[in-house]
């Protein structure tokens, strides 16, 4: 039979049960001694990756029937007050807040606050 041609594992020969590895054991095994010395993180590999940056002025919720009633000149009330900072999103994730500015006849945004990594993680949960 096929089972007879498969050699027994050392644990099976001794009658021992396999034990799950702990996460820190796996992490330490994955890091080679050369890499653990003075490992530096390099972002060079991802610097050319494109992301979508969007600025959110506010949001509104409405029914489809109300949406279909909109016409030119209609005003949609947003959930933000005038003067509140705008959200700066990268690929849909909040990374900063800022204010609208005009630079050479174009709109821009001046960052007033960069969201901390802790706050970003808290919003994901």
C-alpha atoms as a PDB file:
ATOM      1  CA  UNK A   1       0.000   0.000   0.000  1.00  0.00           C
ATOM      2  CA  UNK A   2       0.924   3.656  -0.370  1.00  0.00           C
ATOM      3  CA  UNK A   3       0.925   4.208   3.412  1.00  0.00           C
ATOM      4  CA  UNK A   4       3.672   1.593   3.814  1.00  0.00           C
ATOM      5  CA  UNK A   5       5.998   3.523   1.458  1.00  0.00           C
ATOM      6  CA  UNK A   6       5.748   6.793   3.451  1.00  0.00           C
ATOM      7  CA  UNK A   7       8.452   6.949   6.116  1.00  0.00           C
ATOM      8  CA  UNK A   8       7.278   7.620   9.649  1.00  0.00           C
ATOM      9  CA  UNK A   9       7.973  11.053  11.118  1.00  0.00           C
ATOM     10  CA  UNK A  10      10.312  11.117  14.134  1.00  0.00           C
ATOM     11  CA  UNK A  11       7.473  12.225  16.428  1.00  0.00           C
ATOM     12  CA  UNK A  12       5.350   9.277  15.308  1.00  0.00           C
ATOM     13  CA  UNK A  13       8.159   6.803  16.044  1.00  0.00           C
ATOM     14  CA  UNK A  14       8.454   8.035  19.617  1.00  0.00           C
ATOM     15  CA  UNK A  15       4.682   8.298  20.154  1.00  0.00           C
ATOM     16  CA  UNK A  16       4.831  12.086  20.719  1.00  0.00           C
ATOM     17  CA  UNK A  17       2.080  14.447  19.632  1.00  0.00           C
ATOM     18  CA  UNK A  18       2.856  17.466  17.449  1.00  0.00           C
ATOM     19  CA  UNK A  19       2.750  20.738  19.367  1.00  0.00           C
ATOM     20  CA  UNK A  20       1.687  24.095  17.900  1.00  0.00           C
ATOM     21  CA  UNK A  21       4.459  26.664  17.567  1.00  0.00           C
ATOM     22  CA  UNK A  22       4.164  29.940  19.435  1.00  0.00           C
ATOM     23  CA  UNK A  23       4.062  33.142  17.364  1.00  0.00           C
ATOM     24  CA  UNK A  24       7.334  34.464  18.810  1.00  0.00           C
ATOM     25  CA  UNK A  25       9.030  31.179  17.918  1.00  0.00           C
ATOM     26  CA  UNK A  26       7.871  31.550  14.317  1.00  0.00           C
ATOM     27  CA  UNK A  27       8.997  35.186  14.158  1.00  0.00           C
ATOM     28  CA  UNK A  28      12.447  34.419  15.532  1.00  0.00           C
ATOM     29  CA  UNK A  29      12.841  31.498  13.138  1.00  0.00           C
ATOM     30  CA  UNK A  30      11.855  33.662  10.154  1.00  0.00           C
ATOM     31  CA  UNK A  31      14.491  36.334  10.870  1.00  0.00           C
ATOM     32  CA  UNK A  32      17.944  35.329   9.786  1.00  0.00           C
ATOM     33  CA  UNK A  33      20.904  36.259  12.008  1.00  0.00           C
ATOM     34  CA  UNK A  34      22.293  38.539   9.303  1.00  0.00           C
ATOM     35  CA  UNK A  35      19.035  40.478   9.053  1.00  0.00           C
ATOM     36  CA  UNK A  36      18.565  40.841  12.799  1.00  0.00           C
ATOM     37  CA  UNK A  37      21.859  42.696  13.315  1.00  0.00           C
ATOM     38  CA  UNK A  38      21.252  46.198  12.018  1.00  0.00           C
ATOM     39  CA  UNK A  39      18.107  45.831   9.938  1.00  0.00           C
ATOM     40  CA  UNK A  40      16.922  49.082   8.406  1.00  0.00           C
ATOM     41  CA  UNK A  41      13.547  49.501   6.794  1.00  0.00           C
ATOM     42  CA  UNK A  42      13.789  50.728   3.228  1.00  0.00           C
ATOM     43  CA  UNK A  43      10.782  52.229   1.489  1.00  0.00           C
ATOM     44  CA  UNK A  44      12.559  52.322  -1.886  1.00  0.00           C
ATOM     45  CA  UNK A  45      10.524  49.384  -3.204  1.00  0.00           C
ATOM     46  CA  UNK A  46       7.162  51.120  -2.730  1.00  0.00           C
ATOM     47  CA  UNK A  47       7.984  54.758  -3.499  1.00  0.00           C
ATOM     48  CA  UNK A  48       6.601  54.457  -7.057  1.00  0.00           C
ATOM     49  CA  UNK A  49       3.297  52.842  -5.990  1.00  0.00           C
ATOM     50  CA  UNK A  50       0.348  55.080  -6.884  1.00  0.00           C
ATOM     51  CA  UNK A  51      -2.338  55.811  -4.309  1.00  0.00           C
ATOM     52  CA  UNK A  52      -5.603  57.721  -4.552  1.00  0.00           C
ATOM     53  CA  UNK A  53      -5.675  60.912  -2.501  1.00  0.00           C
ATOM     54  CA  UNK A  54      -9.098  62.428  -1.938  1.00  0.00           C
ATOM     55  CA  UNK A  55     -10.407  65.323   0.086  1.00  0.00           C
ATOM     56  CA  UNK A  56     -13.803  64.929   1.715  1.00  0.00           C
ATOM     57  CA  UNK A  57     -15.805  68.101   2.272  1.00  0.00           C
ATOM     58  CA  UNK A  58     -18.710  66.272   3.879  1.00  0.00           C
ATOM     59  CA  UNK A  59     -21.374  63.638   3.363  1.00  0.00           C
ATOM     60  CA  UNK A  60     -25.119  63.539   2.872  1.00  0.00           C
ATOM     61  CA  UNK A  61     -27.583  60.691   2.967  1.00  0.00           C
ATOM     62  CA  UNK A  62     -30.750  60.720   0.879  1.00  0.00           C
ATOM     63  CA  UNK A  63     -33.235  58.392  -0.712  1.00  0.00           C
ATOM     64  CA  UNK A  64     -33.113  57.572  -4.400  1.00  0.00           C
ATOM     65  CA  UNK A  65     -36.392  59.430  -4.935  1.00  0.00           C
ATOM     66  CA  UNK A  66     -34.870  62.611  -3.417  1.00  0.00           C
ATOM     67  CA  UNK A  67     -31.734  62.102  -5.519  1.00  0.00           C
ATOM     68  CA  UNK A  68     -33.832  61.900  -8.694  1.00  0.00           C
ATOM     69  CA  UNK A  69     -35.575  65.178  -7.806  1.00  0.00           C
ATOM     70  CA  UNK A  70     -32.284  67.119  -7.825  1.00  0.00           C
ATOM     71  CA  UNK A  71     -31.790  69.611 -10.616  1.00  0.00           C
ATOM     72  CA  UNK A  72     -29.317  72.307 -11.547  1.00  0.00           C
ATOM     73  CA  UNK A  73     -29.018  74.811  -8.706  1.00  0.00           C
ATOM     74  CA  UNK A  74     -30.175  72.363  -6.012  1.00  0.00           C
ATOM     75  CA  UNK A  75     -28.392  72.601  -2.688  1.00  0.00           C
ATOM     76  CA  UNK A  76     -27.386  69.479  -0.787  1.00  0.00           C
ATOM     77  CA  UNK A  77     -26.827  69.969   2.918  1.00  0.00           C
ATOM     78  CA  UNK A  78     -23.677  68.212   4.145  1.00  0.00           C
ATOM     79  CA  UNK A  79     -22.954  66.851   7.613  1.00  0.00           C
ATOM     80  CA  UNK A  80     -20.198  69.408   8.331  1.00  0.00           C
ATOM     81  CA  UNK A  81     -20.219  72.949   9.573  1.00  0.00           C
ATOM     82  CA  UNK A  82     -18.566  75.701   7.544  1.00  0.00           C
ATOM     83  CA  UNK A  83     -14.995  76.180   8.723  1.00  0.00           C
ATOM     84  CA  UNK A  84     -14.526  72.594   9.929  1.00  0.00           C
ATOM     85  CA  UNK A  85     -11.355  70.893   8.692  1.00  0.00           C
ATOM     86  CA  UNK A  86     -11.676  68.654   5.635  1.00  0.00           C
ATOM     87  CA  UNK A  87     -10.674  64.987   5.730  1.00  0.00           C
ATOM     88  CA  UNK A  88      -7.682  63.875   3.653  1.00  0.00           C
ATOM     89  CA  UNK A  89      -8.041  60.227   2.654  1.00  0.00           C
ATOM     90  CA  UNK A  90      -5.481  57.922   1.049  1.00  0.00           C
ATOM     91  CA  UNK A  91      -7.127  54.921  -0.571  1.00  0.00           C
ATOM     92  CA  UNK A  92     -10.182  55.594   1.595  1.00  0.00           C
ATOM     93  CA  UNK A  93      -8.258  55.774   4.893  1.00  0.00           C
ATOM     94  CA  UNK A  94      -8.203  59.006   6.889  1.00  0.00           C
ATOM     95  CA  UNK A  95      -4.604  60.218   7.167  1.00  0.00           C
ATOM     96  CA  UNK A  96      -4.916  63.971   7.813  1.00  0.00           C
ATOM     97  CA  UNK A  97      -7.216  66.995   8.103  1.00  0.00           C
ATOM     98  CA  UNK A  98      -6.787  70.365   6.501  1.00  0.00           C
ATOM     99  CA  UNK A  99      -8.170  73.625   5.128  1.00  0.00           C
ATOM    100  CA  UNK A 100      -8.845  74.661   1.551  1.00  0.00           C
ATOM    101  CA  UNK A 101      -6.387  77.164   0.068  1.00  0.00           C
ATOM    102  CA  UNK A 102      -6.053  78.715  -3.387  1.00  0.00           C
ATOM    103  CA  UNK A 103      -2.660  78.418  -5.075  1.00  0.00           C
ATOM    104  CA  UNK A 104      -2.190  80.011  -8.524  1.00  0.00           C
ATOM    105  CA  UNK A 105      -5.941  79.892  -9.274  1.00  0.00           C
ATOM    106  CA  UNK A 106      -6.186  76.224  -8.233  1.00  0.00           C
ATOM    107  CA  UNK A 107      -7.632  74.715  -5.089  1.00  0.00           C
ATOM    108  CA  UNK A 108      -5.285  73.032  -2.662  1.00  0.00           C
ATOM    109  CA  UNK A 109      -5.329  71.855   0.912  1.00  0.00           C
ATOM    110  CA  UNK A 110      -3.109  72.965   3.769  1.00  0.00           C
ATOM    111  CA  UNK A 111      -2.685  70.141   6.273  1.00  0.00           C
ATOM    112  CA  UNK A 112      -3.510  71.217   9.805  1.00  0.00           C
ATOM    113  CA  UNK A 113      -3.359  67.812  11.469  1.00  0.00           C
ATOM    114  CA  UNK A 114      -1.828  64.446  10.576  1.00  0.00           C
ATOM    115  CA  UNK A 115      -3.711  61.488  12.030  1.00  0.00           C
ATOM    116  CA  UNK A 116      -1.584  59.313  14.320  1.00  0.00           C
ATOM    117  CA  UNK A 117      -1.059  55.626  13.617  1.00  0.00           C
ATOM    118  CA  UNK A 118      -2.978  54.817  16.813  1.00  0.00           C
ATOM    119  CA  UNK A 119      -6.042  56.776  15.664  1.00  0.00           C
ATOM    120  CA  UNK A 120      -5.937  55.111  12.221  1.00  0.00           C
ATOM    121  CA  UNK A 121      -5.800  51.674  13.869  1.00  0.00           C
ATOM    122  CA  UNK A 122      -8.657  52.623  16.207  1.00  0.00           C
ATOM    123  CA  UNK A 123     -10.852  53.654  13.231  1.00  0.00           C
ATOM    124  CA  UNK A 124     -10.243  50.309  11.489  1.00  0.00           C
ATOM    125  CA  UNK A 125     -11.567  48.318  14.442  1.00  0.00           C
END
